PDB file of N, CA and C in Angstrom:
ATOM      1  N   MET A   1      37.967   2.318  -8.031  1.00  0.00           N
ATOM      2  CA  MET A   1      37.713   3.490  -8.824  1.00  0.00           C
ATOM      3  C   MET A   1      38.267   4.741  -8.136  1.00  0.00           C
ATOM      4  N   LEU A   2      37.886   4.985  -6.918  1.00  0.00           N
ATOM      5  CA  LEU A   2      38.365   6.174  -6.209  1.00  0.00           C
ATOM      6  C   LEU A   2      39.206   5.779  -5.001  1.00  0.00           C
ATOM      7  N   LYS A   3      40.059   4.780  -5.179  1.00  0.00           N
ATOM      8  CA  LYS A   3      40.757   4.234  -4.023  1.00  0.00           C
ATOM      9  C   LYS A   3      41.622   5.247  -3.295  1.00  0.00           C
ATOM     10  N   GLY A   4      42.462   5.960  -3.793  1.00  0.00           N
ATOM     11  CA  GLY A   4      43.362   6.818  -3.031  1.00  0.00           C
ATOM     12  C   GLY A   4      42.701   8.067  -2.488  1.00  0.00           C
ATOM     13  N   LEU A   5      41.393   8.187  -2.570  1.00  0.00           N
ATOM     14  CA  LEU A   5      40.733   9.426  -2.160  1.00  0.00           C
ATOM     15  C   LEU A   5      40.030   9.322  -0.818  1.00  0.00           C
ATOM     16  N   GLY A   6      40.443   8.411   0.016  1.00  0.00           N
ATOM     17  CA  GLY A   6      39.871   8.297   1.347  1.00  0.00           C
ATOM     18  C   GLY A   6      38.396   7.940   1.326  1.00  0.00           C
ATOM     19  N   GLY A   7      37.570   8.748   2.002  1.00  0.00           N
ATOM     20  CA  GLY A   7      36.146   8.475   2.152  1.00  0.00           C
ATOM     21  C   GLY A   7      35.313   8.786   0.924  1.00  0.00           C
ATOM     22  N   LEU A   8      35.899   9.362  -0.110  1.00  0.00           N
ATOM     23  CA  LEU A   8      35.123   9.694  -1.304  1.00  0.00           C
ATOM     24  C   LEU A   8      34.602   8.449  -2.014  1.00  0.00           C
ATOM     25  N   GLY A   9      35.360   7.360  -1.967  1.00  0.00           N
ATOM     26  CA  GLY A   9      34.903   6.104  -2.566  1.00  0.00           C
ATOM     27  C   GLY A   9      33.650   5.615  -1.874  1.00  0.00           C
ATOM     28  N   ASP A  10      33.644   5.707  -0.546  1.00  0.00           N
ATOM     29  CA  ASP A  10      32.452   5.317   0.214  1.00  0.00           C
ATOM     30  C   ASP A  10      31.280   6.238  -0.100  1.00  0.00           C
ATOM     31  N   MET A  11      31.567   7.510  -0.288  1.00  0.00           N
ATOM     32  CA  MET A  11      30.519   8.474  -0.596  1.00  0.00           C
ATOM     33  C   MET A  11      29.899   8.164  -1.954  1.00  0.00           C
ATOM     34  N   ALA A  12      30.736   7.819  -2.927  1.00  0.00           N
ATOM     35  CA  ALA A  12      30.230   7.466  -4.260  1.00  0.00           C
ATOM     36  C   ALA A  12      29.368   6.215  -4.177  1.00  0.00           C
ATOM     37  N   LYS A  13      29.793   5.280  -3.361  1.00  0.00           N
ATOM     38  CA  LYS A  13      29.020   4.041  -3.171  1.00  0.00           C
ATOM     39  C   LYS A  13      27.669   4.356  -2.535  1.00  0.00           C
ATOM     40  N   MET A  14      27.679   5.243  -1.543  1.00  0.00           N
ATOM     41  CA  MET A  14      26.430   5.628  -0.877  1.00  0.00           C
ATOM     42  C   MET A  14      25.504   6.362  -1.836  1.00  0.00           C
ATOM     43  N   MET A  15      26.055   7.213  -2.674  1.00  0.00           N
ATOM     44  CA  MET A  15      25.237   7.950  -3.643  1.00  0.00           C
ATOM     45  C   MET A  15      24.598   6.991  -4.643  1.00  0.00           C
ATOM     46  N   LYS A  16      25.363   6.005  -5.078  1.00  0.00           N
ATOM     47  CA  LYS A  16      24.828   5.016  -6.016  1.00  0.00           C
ATOM     48  C   LYS A  16      23.704   4.229  -5.346  1.00  0.00           C
ATOM     49  N   ALA A  17      23.899   3.840  -4.094  1.00  0.00           N
ATOM     50  CA  ALA A  17      22.865   3.103  -3.361  1.00  0.00           C
ATOM     51  C   ALA A  17      21.618   3.967  -3.166  1.00  0.00           C
ATOM     52  N   ALA A  18      21.813   5.256  -2.902  1.00  0.00           N
ATOM     53  CA  ALA A  18      20.667   6.155  -2.724  1.00  0.00           C
ATOM     54  C   ALA A  18      19.896   6.306  -4.026  1.00  0.00           C
ATOM     55  N   GLN A  19      20.601   6.390  -5.140  1.00  0.00           N
ATOM     56  CA  GLN A  19      19.937   6.486  -6.433  1.00  0.00           C
ATOM     57  C   GLN A  19      19.152   5.215  -6.737  1.00  0.00           C
ATOM     58  N   GLU A  20      19.743   4.077  -6.409  1.00  0.00           N
ATOM     59  CA  GLU A  20      19.049   2.809  -6.622  1.00  0.00           C
ATOM     60  C   GLU A  20      17.789   2.739  -5.765  1.00  0.00           C
ATOM     61  N   MET A  21      17.892   3.168  -4.513  1.00  0.00           N
ATOM     62  CA  MET A  21      16.735   3.159  -3.630  1.00  0.00           C
ATOM     63  C   MET A  21      15.654   4.095  -4.167  1.00  0.00           C
ATOM     64  N   GLN A  22      16.038   5.255  -4.658  1.00  0.00           N
ATOM     65  CA  GLN A  22      15.075   6.207  -5.201  1.00  0.00           C
ATOM     66  C   GLN A  22      14.361   5.605  -6.414  1.00  0.00           C
ATOM     67  N   THR A  23      15.101   4.944  -7.274  1.00  0.00           N
ATOM     68  CA  THR A  23      14.513   4.301  -8.449  1.00  0.00           C
ATOM     69  C   THR A  23      13.547   3.206  -8.031  1.00  0.00           C
ATOM     70  N   ARG A  24      13.984   2.378  -7.089  1.00  0.00           N
ATOM     71  CA  ARG A  24      13.133   1.275  -6.625  1.00  0.00           C
ATOM     72  C   ARG A  24      11.868   1.793  -5.956  1.00  0.00           C
ATOM     73  N   MET A  25      11.982   2.869  -5.183  1.00  0.00           N
ATOM     74  CA  MET A  25      10.818   3.420  -4.505  1.00  0.00           C
ATOM     75  C   MET A  25       9.830   3.993  -5.518  1.00  0.00           C
ATOM     76  N   ALA A  26      10.334   4.627  -6.567  1.00  0.00           N
ATOM     77  CA  ALA A  26       9.455   5.154  -7.614  1.00  0.00           C
ATOM     78  C   ALA A  26       8.730   4.004  -8.310  1.00  0.00           C
ATOM     79  N   GLU A  27       9.442   2.915  -8.571  1.00  0.00           N
ATOM     80  CA  GLU A  27       8.817   1.742  -9.188  1.00  0.00           C
ATOM     81  C   GLU A  27       7.736   1.173  -8.271  1.00  0.00           C
ATOM     82  N   LEU A  28       8.036   1.115  -6.971  1.00  0.00           N
ATOM     83  CA  LEU A  28       7.056   0.589  -6.019  1.00  0.00           C
ATOM     84  C   LEU A  28       5.828   1.481  -5.964  1.00  0.00           C
ATOM     85  N   GLN A  29       6.013   2.784  -6.010  1.00  0.00           N
ATOM     86  CA  GLN A  29       4.868   3.699  -6.014  1.00  0.00           C
ATOM     87  C   GLN A  29       3.952   3.406  -7.199  1.00  0.00           C
ATOM     88  N   ASP A  30       4.551   3.173  -8.370  1.00  0.00           N
ATOM     89  CA  ASP A  30       3.763   2.829  -9.557  1.00  0.00           C
ATOM     90  C   ASP A  30       3.031   1.511  -9.361  1.00  0.00           C
ATOM     91  N   GLN A  31       3.709   0.548  -8.770  1.00  0.00           N
ATOM     92  CA  GLN A  31       3.093  -0.762  -8.533  1.00  0.00           C
ATOM     93  C   GLN A  31       1.936  -0.665  -7.542  1.00  0.00           C
ATOM     94  N   LEU A  32       2.077   0.175  -6.521  1.00  0.00           N
ATOM     95  CA  LEU A  32       1.016   0.319  -5.525  1.00  0.00           C
ATOM     96  C   LEU A  32      -0.265   0.867  -6.158  1.00  0.00           C
ATOM     97  N   ASP A  33      -0.108   1.626  -7.246  1.00  0.00           N
ATOM     98  CA  ASP A  33      -1.282   2.142  -7.961  1.00  0.00           C
ATOM     99  C   ASP A  33      -2.057   1.033  -8.657  1.00  0.00           C
ATOM    100  N   THR A  34      -1.374  -0.046  -9.025  1.00  0.00           N
ATOM    101  CA  THR A  34      -2.041  -1.120  -9.767  1.00  0.00           C
ATOM    102  C   THR A  34      -2.409  -2.312  -8.891  1.00  0.00           C
ATOM    103  N   MET A  35      -1.827  -2.409  -7.704  1.00  0.00           N
ATOM    104  CA  MET A  35      -2.195  -3.495  -6.784  1.00  0.00           C
ATOM    105  C   MET A  35      -3.558  -3.176  -6.190  1.00  0.00           C
ATOM    106  N   THR A  36      -4.414  -4.191  -6.086  1.00  0.00           N
ATOM    107  CA  THR A  36      -5.728  -3.953  -5.501  1.00  0.00           C
ATOM    108  C   THR A  36      -5.961  -4.862  -4.302  1.00  0.00           C
ATOM    109  N   VAL A  37      -6.791  -4.365  -3.416  1.00  0.00           N
ATOM    110  CA  VAL A  37      -7.243  -5.129  -2.259  1.00  0.00           C
ATOM    111  C   VAL A  37      -8.761  -5.010  -2.218  1.00  0.00           C
ATOM    112  N   VAL A  38      -9.398  -5.996  -1.604  1.00  0.00           N
ATOM    113  CA  VAL A  38     -10.856  -5.976  -1.489  1.00  0.00           C
ATOM    114  C   VAL A  38     -11.219  -6.087  -0.022  1.00  0.00           C
ATOM    115  N   GLY A  39     -11.957  -5.092   0.461  1.00  0.00           N
ATOM    116  CA  GLY A  39     -12.486  -5.127   1.815  1.00  0.00           C
ATOM    117  C   GLY A  39     -13.944  -5.521   1.735  1.00  0.00           C
ATOM    118  N   GLU A  40     -14.419  -6.190   2.756  1.00  0.00           N
ATOM    119  CA  GLU A  40     -15.828  -6.586   2.721  1.00  0.00           C
ATOM    120  C   GLU A  40     -16.457  -6.529   4.096  1.00  0.00           C
ATOM    121  N   SER A  41     -17.771  -6.517   4.083  1.00  0.00           N
ATOM    122  CA  SER A  41     -18.531  -6.541   5.321  1.00  0.00           C
ATOM    123  C   SER A  41     -19.828  -7.288   5.070  1.00  0.00           C
ATOM    124  N   GLY A  42     -20.502  -7.632   6.149  1.00  0.00           N
ATOM    125  CA  GLY A  42     -21.773  -8.346   6.015  1.00  0.00           C
ATOM    126  C   GLY A  42     -21.607  -9.677   5.313  1.00  0.00           C
ATOM    127  N   ALA A  43     -20.537 -10.389   5.626  1.00  0.00           N
ATOM    128  CA  ALA A  43     -20.252 -11.697   5.021  1.00  0.00           C
ATOM    129  C   ALA A  43     -20.227 -11.603   3.495  1.00  0.00           C
ATOM    130  N   GLY A  44     -19.652 -10.517   2.992  1.00  0.00           N
ATOM    131  CA  GLY A  44     -19.505 -10.352   1.555  1.00  0.00           C
ATOM    132  C   GLY A  44     -20.653  -9.639   0.865  1.00  0.00           C
ATOM    133  N   LEU A  45     -21.637  -9.172   1.621  1.00  0.00           N
ATOM    134  CA  LEU A  45     -22.752  -8.454   0.996  1.00  0.00           C
ATOM    135  C   LEU A  45     -22.310  -7.111   0.416  1.00  0.00           C
ATOM    136  N   VAL A  46     -21.295  -6.517   1.024  1.00  0.00           N
ATOM    137  CA  VAL A  46     -20.740  -5.263   0.521  1.00  0.00           C
ATOM    138  C   VAL A  46     -19.238  -5.462   0.360  1.00  0.00           C
ATOM    139  N   ARG A  47     -18.730  -5.139  -0.833  1.00  0.00           N
ATOM    140  CA  ARG A  47     -17.301  -5.262  -1.123  1.00  0.00           C
ATOM    141  C   ARG A  47     -16.790  -3.940  -1.667  1.00  0.00           C
ATOM    142  N   ALA A  48     -15.675  -3.500  -1.111  1.00  0.00           N
ATOM    143  CA  ALA A  48     -15.028  -2.281  -1.572  1.00  0.00           C
ATOM    144  C   ALA A  48     -13.655  -2.649  -2.122  1.00  0.00           C
ATOM    145  N   THR A  49     -13.350  -2.177  -3.307  1.00  0.00           N
ATOM    146  CA  THR A  49     -12.053  -2.431  -3.928  1.00  0.00           C
ATOM    147  C   THR A  49     -11.255  -1.135  -3.899  1.00  0.00           C
ATOM    148  N   ALA A  50      -9.979  -1.257  -3.549  1.00  0.00           N
ATOM    149  CA  ALA A  50      -9.111  -0.084  -3.468  1.00  0.00           C
ATOM    150  C   ALA A  50      -7.724  -0.448  -3.982  1.00  0.00           C
ATOM    151  N   THR A  51      -6.956   0.577  -4.363  1.00  0.00           N
ATOM    152  CA  THR A  51      -5.555   0.352  -4.697  1.00  0.00           C
ATOM    153  C   THR A  51      -4.791   0.156  -3.393  1.00  0.00           C
ATOM    154  N   ALA A  52      -3.564  -0.325  -3.500  1.00  0.00           N
ATOM    155  CA  ALA A  52      -2.742  -0.495  -2.298  1.00  0.00           C
ATOM    156  C   ALA A  52      -2.376   0.847  -1.680  1.00  0.00           C
ATOM    157  N   LYS A  53      -2.623   1.921  -2.396  1.00  0.00           N
ATOM    158  CA  LYS A  53      -2.429   3.259  -1.826  1.00  0.00           C
ATOM    159  C   LYS A  53      -3.662   3.726  -1.062  1.00  0.00           C
ATOM    160  N   GLY A  54      -4.749   2.959  -1.123  1.00  0.00           N
ATOM    161  CA  GLY A  54      -5.952   3.296  -0.373  1.00  0.00           C
ATOM    162  C   GLY A  54      -7.008   4.046  -1.163  1.00  0.00           C
ATOM    163  N   GLU A  55      -6.819   4.216  -2.462  1.00  0.00           N
ATOM    164  CA  GLU A  55      -7.805   4.914  -3.280  1.00  0.00           C
ATOM    165  C   GLU A  55      -8.938   3.955  -3.636  1.00  0.00           C
ATOM    166  N   LEU A  56     -10.144   4.308  -3.259  1.00  0.00           N
ATOM    167  CA  LEU A  56     -11.312   3.480  -3.537  1.00  0.00           C
ATOM    168  C   LEU A  56     -11.568   3.466  -5.038  1.00  0.00           C
ATOM    169  N   THR A  57     -11.671   2.246  -5.618  1.00  0.00           N
ATOM    170  CA  THR A  57     -11.873   2.137  -7.066  1.00  0.00           C
ATOM    171  C   THR A  57     -13.177   1.444  -7.427  1.00  0.00           C
ATOM    172  N   GLY A  58     -13.809   0.797  -6.466  1.00  0.00           N
ATOM    173  CA  GLY A  58     -15.055   0.123  -6.779  1.00  0.00           C
ATOM    174  C   GLY A  58     -15.836  -0.236  -5.529  1.00  0.00           C
ATOM    175  N   LEU A  59     -17.134  -0.374  -5.715  1.00  0.00           N
ATOM    176  CA  LEU A  59     -18.018  -0.740  -4.620  1.00  0.00           C
ATOM    177  C   LEU A  59     -19.074  -1.681  -5.185  1.00  0.00           C
ATOM    178  N   ASP A  60     -19.202  -2.854  -4.593  1.00  0.00           N
ATOM    179  CA  ASP A  60     -20.171  -3.840  -5.051  1.00  0.00           C
ATOM    180  C   ASP A  60     -21.115  -4.142  -3.889  1.00  0.00           C
ATOM    181  N   ILE A  61     -22.406  -3.916  -4.117  1.00  0.00           N
ATOM    182  CA  ILE A  61     -23.405  -4.095  -3.065  1.00  0.00           C
ATOM    183  C   ILE A  61     -24.426  -5.119  -3.529  1.00  0.00           C
ATOM    184  N   ASP A  62     -24.615  -6.154  -2.730  1.00  0.00           N
ATOM    185  CA  ASP A  62     -25.623  -7.169  -3.037  1.00  0.00           C
ATOM    186  C   ASP A  62     -27.000  -6.511  -2.929  1.00  0.00           C
ATOM    187  N   PRO A  63     -27.831  -6.622  -3.955  1.00  0.00           N
ATOM    188  CA  PRO A  63     -29.123  -5.927  -3.951  1.00  0.00           C
ATOM    189  C   PRO A  63     -30.094  -6.419  -2.870  1.00  0.00           C
ATOM    190  N   THR A  64     -29.840  -7.563  -2.293  1.00  0.00           N
ATOM    191  CA  THR A  64     -30.758  -8.076  -1.274  1.00  0.00           C
ATOM    192  C   THR A  64     -30.740  -7.255   0.008  1.00  0.00           C
ATOM    193  N   ILE A  65     -29.736  -6.409   0.178  1.00  0.00           N
ATOM    194  CA  ILE A  65     -29.685  -5.626   1.432  1.00  0.00           C
ATOM    195  C   ILE A  65     -30.453  -4.319   1.341  1.00  0.00           C
ATOM    196  N   PHE A  66     -31.013  -3.996   0.182  1.00  0.00           N
ATOM    197  CA  PHE A  66     -31.739  -2.738   0.032  1.00  0.00           C
ATOM    198  C   PHE A  66     -33.166  -2.858   0.548  1.00  0.00           C
ATOM    199  N   ASN A  67     -33.294  -2.611   1.819  1.00  0.00           N
ATOM    200  CA  ASN A  67     -34.589  -2.593   2.476  1.00  0.00           C
ATOM    201  C   ASN A  67     -34.704  -1.212   3.117  1.00  0.00           C
ATOM    202  N   PRO A  68     -35.677  -0.408   2.709  1.00  0.00           N
ATOM    203  CA  PRO A  68     -35.781   0.964   3.232  1.00  0.00           C
ATOM    204  C   PRO A  68     -35.799   1.043   4.760  1.00  0.00           C
ATOM    205  N   ASP A  69     -36.292   0.006   5.407  1.00  0.00           N
ATOM    206  CA  ASP A  69     -36.349   0.024   6.870  1.00  0.00           C
ATOM    207  C   ASP A  69     -34.971  -0.190   7.500  1.00  0.00           C
ATOM    208  N   GLU A  70     -34.004  -0.630   6.724  1.00  0.00           N
ATOM    209  CA  GLU A  70     -32.674  -0.926   7.261  1.00  0.00           C
ATOM    210  C   GLU A  70     -31.602  -0.027   6.645  1.00  0.00           C
ATOM    211  N   LYS A  71     -31.957   1.191   6.364  1.00  0.00           N
ATOM    212  CA  LYS A  71     -31.034   2.135   5.736  1.00  0.00           C
ATOM    213  C   LYS A  71     -29.739   2.282   6.533  1.00  0.00           C
ATOM    214  N   GLU A  72     -29.829   2.413   7.833  1.00  0.00           N
ATOM    215  CA  GLU A  72     -28.640   2.590   8.670  1.00  0.00           C
ATOM    216  C   GLU A  72     -27.739   1.371   8.614  1.00  0.00           C
ATOM    217  N   VAL A  73     -28.330   0.186   8.534  1.00  0.00           N
ATOM    218  CA  VAL A  73     -27.538  -1.045   8.452  1.00  0.00           C
ATOM    219  C   VAL A  73     -26.726  -1.051   7.156  1.00  0.00           C
ATOM    220  N   VAL A  74     -27.375  -0.687   6.059  1.00  0.00           N
ATOM    221  CA  VAL A  74     -26.691  -0.638   4.761  1.00  0.00           C
ATOM    222  C   VAL A  74     -25.548   0.376   4.805  1.00  0.00           C
ATOM    223  N   GLU A  75     -25.809   1.537   5.355  1.00  0.00           N
ATOM    224  CA  GLU A  75     -24.768   2.560   5.461  1.00  0.00           C
ATOM    225  C   GLU A  75     -23.591   2.057   6.287  1.00  0.00           C
ATOM    226  N   ASP A  76     -23.896   1.382   7.395  1.00  0.00           N
ATOM    227  CA  ASP A  76     -22.834   0.832   8.244  1.00  0.00           C
ATOM    228  C   ASP A  76     -22.022  -0.228   7.504  1.00  0.00           C
ATOM    229  N   LEU A  77     -22.700  -1.070   6.730  1.00  0.00           N
ATOM    230  CA  LEU A  77     -22.005  -2.106   5.966  1.00  0.00           C
ATOM    231  C   LEU A  77     -21.090  -1.486   4.910  1.00  0.00           C
ATOM    232  N   ILE A  78     -21.562  -0.431   4.262  1.00  0.00           N
ATOM    233  CA  ILE A  78     -20.746   0.242   3.251  1.00  0.00           C
ATOM    234  C   ILE A  78     -19.508   0.854   3.897  1.00  0.00           C
ATOM    235  N   LEU A  79     -19.702   1.557   4.996  1.00  0.00           N
ATOM    236  CA  LEU A  79     -18.554   2.156   5.687  1.00  0.00           C
ATOM    237  C   LEU A  79     -17.582   1.088   6.174  1.00  0.00           C
ATOM    238  N   ALA A  80     -18.101  -0.002   6.695  1.00  0.00           N
ATOM    239  CA  ALA A  80     -17.239  -1.073   7.196  1.00  0.00           C
ATOM    240  C   ALA A  80     -16.421  -1.683   6.065  1.00  0.00           C
ATOM    241  N   ALA A  81     -17.019  -1.877   4.898  1.00  0.00           N
ATOM    242  CA  ALA A  81     -16.293  -2.447   3.758  1.00  0.00           C
ATOM    243  C   ALA A  81     -15.192  -1.493   3.294  1.00  0.00           C
ATOM    244  N   ILE A  82     -15.501  -0.203   3.255  1.00  0.00           N
ATOM    245  CA  ILE A  82     -14.502   0.788   2.838  1.00  0.00           C
ATOM    246  C   ILE A  82     -13.354   0.823   3.840  1.00  0.00           C
ATOM    247  N   LYS A  83     -13.656   0.829   5.117  1.00  0.00           N
ATOM    248  CA  LYS A  83     -12.608   0.847   6.136  1.00  0.00           C
ATOM    249  C   LYS A  83     -11.761  -0.420   6.073  1.00  0.00           C
ATOM    250  N   ASP A  84     -12.386  -1.558   5.799  1.00  0.00           N
ATOM    251  CA  ASP A  84     -11.653  -2.810   5.668  1.00  0.00           C
ATOM    252  C   ASP A  84     -10.705  -2.743   4.469  1.00  0.00           C
ATOM    253  N   ALA A  85     -11.185  -2.206   3.352  1.00  0.00           N
ATOM    254  CA  ALA A  85     -10.333  -2.066   2.164  1.00  0.00           C
ATOM    255  C   ALA A  85      -9.160  -1.129   2.453  1.00  0.00           C
ATOM    256  N   GLN A  86      -9.418  -0.030   3.153  1.00  0.00           N
ATOM    257  CA  GLN A  86      -8.354   0.918   3.470  1.00  0.00           C
ATOM    258  C   GLN A  86      -7.319   0.289   4.403  1.00  0.00           C
ATOM    259  N   ALA A  87      -7.782  -0.485   5.376  1.00  0.00           N
ATOM    260  CA  ALA A  87      -6.856  -1.154   6.290  1.00  0.00           C
ATOM    261  C   ALA A  87      -6.006  -2.178   5.539  1.00  0.00           C
ATOM    262  N   LYS A  88      -6.626  -2.922   4.634  1.00  0.00           N
ATOM    263  CA  LYS A  88      -5.876  -3.897   3.838  1.00  0.00           C
ATOM    264  C   LYS A  88      -4.900  -3.190   2.905  1.00  0.00           C
ATOM    265  N   ALA A  89      -5.279  -2.050   2.371  1.00  0.00           N
ATOM    266  CA  ALA A  89      -4.385  -1.284   1.505  1.00  0.00           C
ATOM    267  C   ALA A  89      -3.162  -0.816   2.288  1.00  0.00           C
ATOM    268  N   ALA A  90      -3.385  -0.315   3.487  1.00  0.00           N
ATOM    269  CA  ALA A  90      -2.272   0.146   4.321  1.00  0.00           C
ATOM    270  C   ALA A  90      -1.344  -1.009   4.673  1.00  0.00           C
ATOM    271  N   ALA A  91      -1.926  -2.162   4.999  1.00  0.00           N
ATOM    272  CA  ALA A  91      -1.121  -3.336   5.336  1.00  0.00           C
ATOM    273  C   ALA A  91      -0.318  -3.801   4.123  1.00  0.00           C
ATOM    274  N   ARG A  92      -0.938  -3.805   2.957  1.00  0.00           N
ATOM    275  CA  ARG A  92      -0.248  -4.236   1.733  1.00  0.00           C
ATOM    276  C   ARG A  92       0.890  -3.287   1.405  1.00  0.00           C
ATOM    277  N   SER A  93       0.636  -2.000   1.525  1.00  0.00           N
ATOM    278  CA  SER A  93       1.661  -1.000   1.259  1.00  0.00           C
ATOM    279  C   SER A  93       2.845  -1.178   2.208  1.00  0.00           C
ATOM    280  N   GLN A  94       2.560  -1.375   3.489  1.00  0.00           N
ATOM    281  CA  GLN A  94       3.623  -1.578   4.468  1.00  0.00           C
ATOM    282  C   GLN A  94       4.422  -2.844   4.172  1.00  0.00           C
ATOM    283  N   GLU A  95       3.738  -3.901   3.760  1.00  0.00           N
ATOM    284  CA  GLU A  95       4.407  -5.154   3.431  1.00  0.00           C
ATOM    285  C   GLU A  95       5.344  -4.952   2.240  1.00  0.00           C
ATOM    286  N   GLU A  96       4.873  -4.245   1.228  1.00  0.00           N
ATOM    287  CA  GLU A  96       5.711  -3.987   0.052  1.00  0.00           C
ATOM    288  C   GLU A  96       6.910  -3.119   0.433  1.00  0.00           C
ATOM    289  N   MET A  97       6.711  -2.141   1.296  1.00  0.00           N
ATOM    290  CA  MET A  97       7.810  -1.292   1.743  1.00  0.00           C
ATOM    291  C   MET A  97       8.823  -2.103   2.550  1.00  0.00           C
ATOM    292  N   ARG A  98       8.323  -3.021   3.381  1.00  0.00           N
ATOM    293  CA  ARG A  98       9.219  -3.875   4.169  1.00  0.00           C
ATOM    294  C   ARG A  98      10.081  -4.720   3.239  1.00  0.00           C
ATOM    295  N   ARG A  99       9.446  -5.290   2.203  1.00  0.00           N
ATOM    296  CA  ARG A  99      10.202  -6.103   1.243  1.00  0.00           C
ATOM    297  C   ARG A  99      11.262  -5.277   0.528  1.00  0.00           C
ATOM    298  N   LEU A 100      10.896  -4.062   0.144  1.00  0.00           N
ATOM    299  CA  LEU A 100      11.854  -3.188  -0.525  1.00  0.00           C
ATOM    300  C   LEU A 100      13.020  -2.865   0.409  1.00  0.00           C
ATOM    301  N   SER A 101      12.714  -2.584   1.656  1.00  0.00           N
ATOM    302  CA  SER A 101      13.759  -2.277   2.634  1.00  0.00           C
ATOM    303  C   SER A 101      14.730  -3.445   2.772  1.00  0.00           C
ATOM    304  N   GLU A 102      14.183  -4.652   2.875  1.00  0.00           N
ATOM    305  CA  GLU A 102      15.030  -5.835   3.011  1.00  0.00           C
ATOM    306  C   GLU A 102      15.881  -6.045   1.766  1.00  0.00           C
ATOM    307  N   THR A 103      15.296  -5.835   0.589  1.00  0.00           N
ATOM    308  CA  THR A 103      16.025  -6.003  -0.660  1.00  0.00           C
ATOM    309  C   THR A 103      17.208  -5.042  -0.734  1.00  0.00           C
ATOM    310  N   LEU A 104      17.004  -3.838  -0.215  1.00  0.00           N
ATOM    311  CA  LEU A 104      18.054  -2.822  -0.243  1.00  0.00           C
ATOM    312  C   LEU A 104      19.009  -2.937   0.937  1.00  0.00           C
ATOM    313  N   GLY A 105      18.797  -3.912   1.800  1.00  0.00           N
ATOM    314  CA  GLY A 105      19.665  -4.107   2.953  1.00  0.00           C
ATOM    315  C   GLY A 105      19.424  -3.129   4.088  1.00  0.00           C
ATOM    316  N   LEU A 106      18.224  -2.533   4.105  1.00  0.00           N
ATOM    317  CA  LEU A 106      17.876  -1.593   5.173  1.00  0.00           C
ATOM    318  C   LEU A 106      17.149  -2.336   6.285  1.00  0.00           C
ATOM    319  N   PRO A 107      17.123  -1.787   7.492  1.00  0.00           N
ATOM    320  CA  PRO A 107      16.380  -2.432   8.570  1.00  0.00           C
ATOM    321  C   PRO A 107      14.894  -2.554   8.188  1.00  0.00           C
ATOM    322  N   ALA A 108      14.277  -3.680   8.485  1.00  0.00           N
ATOM    323  CA  ALA A 108      12.888  -3.939   8.114  1.00  0.00           C
ATOM    324  C   ALA A 108      11.924  -2.921   8.739  1.00  0.00           C
ATOM    325  N   ASP A 109      12.262  -2.383   9.895  1.00  0.00           N
ATOM    326  CA  ASP A 109      11.351  -1.450  10.557  1.00  0.00           C
ATOM    327  C   ASP A 109      11.642   0.015  10.218  1.00  0.00           C
ATOM    328  N   MET A 110      12.528   0.248   9.253  1.00  0.00           N
ATOM    329  CA  MET A 110      12.844   1.626   8.843  1.00  0.00           C
ATOM    330  C   MET A 110      11.649   2.231   8.138  1.00  0.00           C
ATOM    331  N   LYS A 111      11.284   3.431   8.532  1.00  0.00           N
ATOM    332  CA  LYS A 111      10.150   4.122   7.926  1.00  0.00           C
ATOM    333  C   LYS A 111      10.614   4.847   6.672  1.00  0.00           C
ATOM    334  N   LEU A 112      10.126   4.388   5.523  1.00  0.00           N
ATOM    335  CA  LEU A 112      10.456   5.040   4.265  1.00  0.00           C
ATOM    336  C   LEU A 112       9.439   6.137   4.007  1.00  0.00           C
ATOM    337  N   PRO A 113       9.726   7.070   3.120  1.00  0.00           N
ATOM    338  CA  PRO A 113       8.918   8.282   2.999  1.00  0.00           C
ATOM    339  C   PRO A 113       7.558   8.172   2.321  1.00  0.00           C
ATOM    340  N   PHE A 114       6.852   7.047   2.392  1.00  0.00           N
ATOM    341  CA  PHE A 114       5.466   6.983   1.939  1.00  0.00           C
ATOM    342  C   PHE A 114       4.794   5.772   2.472  1.00  0.00           C
TER     343      PHE A 114
END
């Protein structure tokens, strides 16, 4: 297409690749909103559901843990489940970004902008 123009052909190719990467990253951002992970604590007594972006979307607490004398334990279990969900969300997001990087021919350890 732009053969006799020296490096301009390469520049056009790079621009096309950048546009493709931008499109793919936007698609991945949308997908991360719909992917869910579940963090849990207390052997499943407390479960926190979050998007792969880390937004908490649900909390399920087994009613058997509601004992007024163990309020701190319940609070700790809730926090632990939320932190577990957030850690899983971050891991899932990183995994999806790694896959996108590989698909685009980028180094797997390249830090993309989200």
